[in-house]
């Protein structure tokens, strides 16, 4: 069974840090291109960061200097380190992969940045 499960969201104050995790099962994780997206209800999903392989990373311009994507292949886990959080980072964050032409998404983890 293919499954992606995010965790690590919560309430943070502006300037604080959070680390999101996404545990993947049912795939050979090391072969997968992995991505993080964000979305609030009523809005489209926006790409945040991607990791097409273990050593390659890509970021949306708005998070490039604050967020870090990483992966631990042996633990089948994707991470998103979010530093210096801003209120505009408030969103539901999803991990996503594509396998044999099909997109697979987790259920998301909510991040709220508020003082």
C-alpha atoms as a PDB file:
ATOM      1  CA  UNK A   1       0.000   0.000   0.000  1.00  0.00           C
ATOM      2  CA  UNK A   2       1.363   3.373  -1.011  1.00  0.00           C
ATOM      3  CA  UNK A   3       1.254   5.902   1.800  1.00  0.00           C
ATOM      4  CA  UNK A   4       2.702   9.322   2.608  1.00  0.00           C
ATOM      5  CA  UNK A   5       2.225  10.630   6.143  1.00  0.00           C
ATOM      6  CA  UNK A   6       3.222  14.138   7.160  1.00  0.00           C
ATOM      7  CA  UNK A   7       3.856  15.346  10.700  1.00  0.00           C
ATOM      8  CA  UNK A   8       5.542  18.146  12.577  1.00  0.00           C
ATOM      9  CA  UNK A   9       3.115  20.976  12.005  1.00  0.00           C
ATOM     10  CA  UNK A  10       1.759  23.120  14.778  1.00  0.00           C
ATOM     11  CA  UNK A  11       1.617  26.605  16.178  1.00  0.00           C
ATOM     12  CA  UNK A  12       4.722  28.759  16.020  1.00  0.00           C
ATOM     13  CA  UNK A  13       5.467  32.388  16.666  1.00  0.00           C
ATOM     14  CA  UNK A  14       7.045  34.565  13.981  1.00  0.00           C
ATOM     15  CA  UNK A  15      10.772  33.942  13.878  1.00  0.00           C
ATOM     16  CA  UNK A  16      10.544  30.418  15.281  1.00  0.00           C
ATOM     17  CA  UNK A  17      11.443  27.198  13.499  1.00  0.00           C
ATOM     18  CA  UNK A  18       9.587  23.981  12.709  1.00  0.00           C
ATOM     19  CA  UNK A  19      10.628  20.756  11.030  1.00  0.00           C
ATOM     20  CA  UNK A  20       8.111  18.811   8.998  1.00  0.00           C
ATOM     21  CA  UNK A  21       8.495  15.114   8.244  1.00  0.00           C
ATOM     22  CA  UNK A  22       6.953  12.883   5.609  1.00  0.00           C
ATOM     23  CA  UNK A  23       7.264   9.130   6.015  1.00  0.00           C
ATOM     24  CA  UNK A  24       6.765   7.159   2.818  1.00  0.00           C
ATOM     25  CA  UNK A  25       5.817   3.507   2.548  1.00  0.00           C
ATOM     26  CA  UNK A  26       5.011   1.225  -0.341  1.00  0.00           C
ATOM     27  CA  UNK A  27       7.771   2.667  -2.557  1.00  0.00           C
ATOM     28  CA  UNK A  28      11.456   2.290  -2.960  1.00  0.00           C
ATOM     29  CA  UNK A  29      11.965   5.723  -1.449  1.00  0.00           C
ATOM     30  CA  UNK A  30      15.489   6.291  -2.763  1.00  0.00           C
ATOM     31  CA  UNK A  31      14.192   6.182  -6.346  1.00  0.00           C
ATOM     32  CA  UNK A  32      11.539   8.840  -5.826  1.00  0.00           C
ATOM     33  CA  UNK A  33      11.509  12.524  -6.615  1.00  0.00           C
ATOM     34  CA  UNK A  34       9.910  14.161  -3.579  1.00  0.00           C
ATOM     35  CA  UNK A  35       8.283  17.555  -3.183  1.00  0.00           C
ATOM     36  CA  UNK A  36       6.626  19.759  -0.592  1.00  0.00           C
ATOM     37  CA  UNK A  37       3.558  21.842  -1.402  1.00  0.00           C
ATOM     38  CA  UNK A  38       1.436  24.222   0.620  1.00  0.00           C
ATOM     39  CA  UNK A  39      -2.266  25.000   0.426  1.00  0.00           C
ATOM     40  CA  UNK A  40      -4.960  26.770   2.369  1.00  0.00           C
ATOM     41  CA  UNK A  41      -8.636  25.907   1.833  1.00  0.00           C
ATOM     42  CA  UNK A  42      -9.961  27.650  -1.247  1.00  0.00           C
ATOM     43  CA  UNK A  43      -6.487  28.152  -2.689  1.00  0.00           C
ATOM     44  CA  UNK A  44      -4.486  26.124  -5.137  1.00  0.00           C
ATOM     45  CA  UNK A  45      -1.515  24.092  -4.032  1.00  0.00           C
ATOM     46  CA  UNK A  46       1.770  25.912  -4.423  1.00  0.00           C
ATOM     47  CA  UNK A  47       5.091  24.179  -4.793  1.00  0.00           C
ATOM     48  CA  UNK A  48       7.524  24.903  -1.981  1.00  0.00           C
ATOM     49  CA  UNK A  49      10.585  22.733  -2.490  1.00  0.00           C
ATOM     50  CA  UNK A  50      11.701  19.605  -4.297  1.00  0.00           C
ATOM     51  CA  UNK A  51      14.339  16.937  -4.097  1.00  0.00           C
ATOM     52  CA  UNK A  52      14.612  14.955  -7.308  1.00  0.00           C
ATOM     53  CA  UNK A  53      17.450  12.894  -5.911  1.00  0.00           C
ATOM     54  CA  UNK A  54      19.470  12.556  -2.750  1.00  0.00           C
ATOM     55  CA  UNK A  55      21.829  15.395  -3.616  1.00  0.00           C
ATOM     56  CA  UNK A  56      19.675  17.798  -5.629  1.00  0.00           C
ATOM     57  CA  UNK A  57      17.396  20.398  -4.071  1.00  0.00           C
ATOM     58  CA  UNK A  58      15.160  23.124  -5.489  1.00  0.00           C
ATOM     59  CA  UNK A  59      13.183  25.876  -3.787  1.00  0.00           C
ATOM     60  CA  UNK A  60      10.484  28.391  -4.513  1.00  0.00           C
ATOM     61  CA  UNK A  61      11.972  31.864  -4.419  1.00  0.00           C
ATOM     62  CA  UNK A  62       9.830  32.931  -1.467  1.00  0.00           C
ATOM     63  CA  UNK A  63      11.330  30.280   0.845  1.00  0.00           C
ATOM     64  CA  UNK A  64      14.786  29.793  -0.625  1.00  0.00           C
ATOM     65  CA  UNK A  65      16.751  31.399   2.208  1.00  0.00           C
ATOM     66  CA  UNK A  66      14.627  30.049   5.068  1.00  0.00           C
ATOM     67  CA  UNK A  67      13.539  26.492   4.259  1.00  0.00           C
ATOM     68  CA  UNK A  68      15.707  23.422   3.736  1.00  0.00           C
ATOM     69  CA  UNK A  69      14.499  20.188   2.187  1.00  0.00           C
ATOM     70  CA  UNK A  70      16.321  16.971   2.994  1.00  0.00           C
ATOM     71  CA  UNK A  71      15.758  13.233   2.961  1.00  0.00           C
ATOM     72  CA  UNK A  72      16.879  10.157   4.812  1.00  0.00           C
ATOM     73  CA  UNK A  73      16.604   7.312   2.352  1.00  0.00           C
ATOM     74  CA  UNK A  74      17.252   4.546   4.865  1.00  0.00           C
ATOM     75  CA  UNK A  75      14.302   5.803   6.939  1.00  0.00           C
ATOM     76  CA  UNK A  76      12.124   6.600   3.888  1.00  0.00           C
ATOM     77  CA  UNK A  77      11.594  10.075   5.264  1.00  0.00           C
ATOM     78  CA  UNK A  78      11.477  13.515   3.702  1.00  0.00           C
ATOM     79  CA  UNK A  79      12.004  16.634   5.805  1.00  0.00           C
ATOM     80  CA  UNK A  80      11.329  20.336   5.508  1.00  0.00           C
ATOM     81  CA  UNK A  81      13.219  22.508   7.959  1.00  0.00           C
ATOM     82  CA  UNK A  82      11.379  25.806   8.203  1.00  0.00           C
ATOM     83  CA  UNK A  83      13.363  28.600   9.839  1.00  0.00           C
ATOM     84  CA  UNK A  84      12.438  32.165  10.702  1.00  0.00           C
ATOM     85  CA  UNK A  85       8.763  31.472  10.137  1.00  0.00           C
ATOM     86  CA  UNK A  86       6.493  34.283   8.991  1.00  0.00           C
ATOM     87  CA  UNK A  87       2.716  34.655   9.320  1.00  0.00           C
ATOM     88  CA  UNK A  88       2.409  34.188   5.563  1.00  0.00           C
ATOM     89  CA  UNK A  89       3.867  30.685   5.963  1.00  0.00           C
ATOM     90  CA  UNK A  90       0.597  29.650   7.647  1.00  0.00           C
ATOM     91  CA  UNK A  91      -0.745  26.830   5.532  1.00  0.00           C
ATOM     92  CA  UNK A  92      -1.291  23.107   5.239  1.00  0.00           C
ATOM     93  CA  UNK A  93       1.877  21.459   3.982  1.00  0.00           C
ATOM     94  CA  UNK A  94       1.787  18.324   1.849  1.00  0.00           C
ATOM     95  CA  UNK A  95       4.438  15.982   0.581  1.00  0.00           C
ATOM     96  CA  UNK A  96       4.007  14.555  -2.861  1.00  0.00           C
ATOM     97  CA  UNK A  97       5.642  12.115  -5.211  1.00  0.00           C
ATOM     98  CA  UNK A  98       4.946  10.754  -8.623  1.00  0.00           C
ATOM     99  CA  UNK A  99       5.296   7.079  -9.467  1.00  0.00           C
ATOM    100  CA  UNK A 100       4.581   5.557 -12.871  1.00  0.00           C
ATOM    101  CA  UNK A 101       2.662   8.643 -13.956  1.00  0.00           C
ATOM    102  CA  UNK A 102       0.464   8.863 -10.855  1.00  0.00           C
ATOM    103  CA  UNK A 103       0.741  11.574  -8.202  1.00  0.00           C
ATOM    104  CA  UNK A 104       0.599  10.491  -4.577  1.00  0.00           C
ATOM    105  CA  UNK A 105      -0.103  12.952  -1.780  1.00  0.00           C
ATOM    106  CA  UNK A 106      -0.129  12.833   1.969  1.00  0.00           C
ATOM    107  CA  UNK A 107      -3.002  14.291   3.986  1.00  0.00           C
ATOM    108  CA  UNK A 108      -1.019  17.310   5.057  1.00  0.00           C
ATOM    109  CA  UNK A 109       0.141  18.896   8.278  1.00  0.00           C
ATOM    110  CA  UNK A 110      -1.052  22.316   9.409  1.00  0.00           C
ATOM    111  CA  UNK A 111       1.408  25.072  10.241  1.00  0.00           C
ATOM    112  CA  UNK A 112       0.112  28.206  11.943  1.00  0.00           C
ATOM    113  CA  UNK A 113       2.451  31.130  12.454  1.00  0.00           C
ATOM    114  CA  UNK A 114       0.972  33.708  14.769  1.00  0.00           C
ATOM    115  CA  UNK A 115       1.949  35.839  17.717  1.00  0.00           C
END
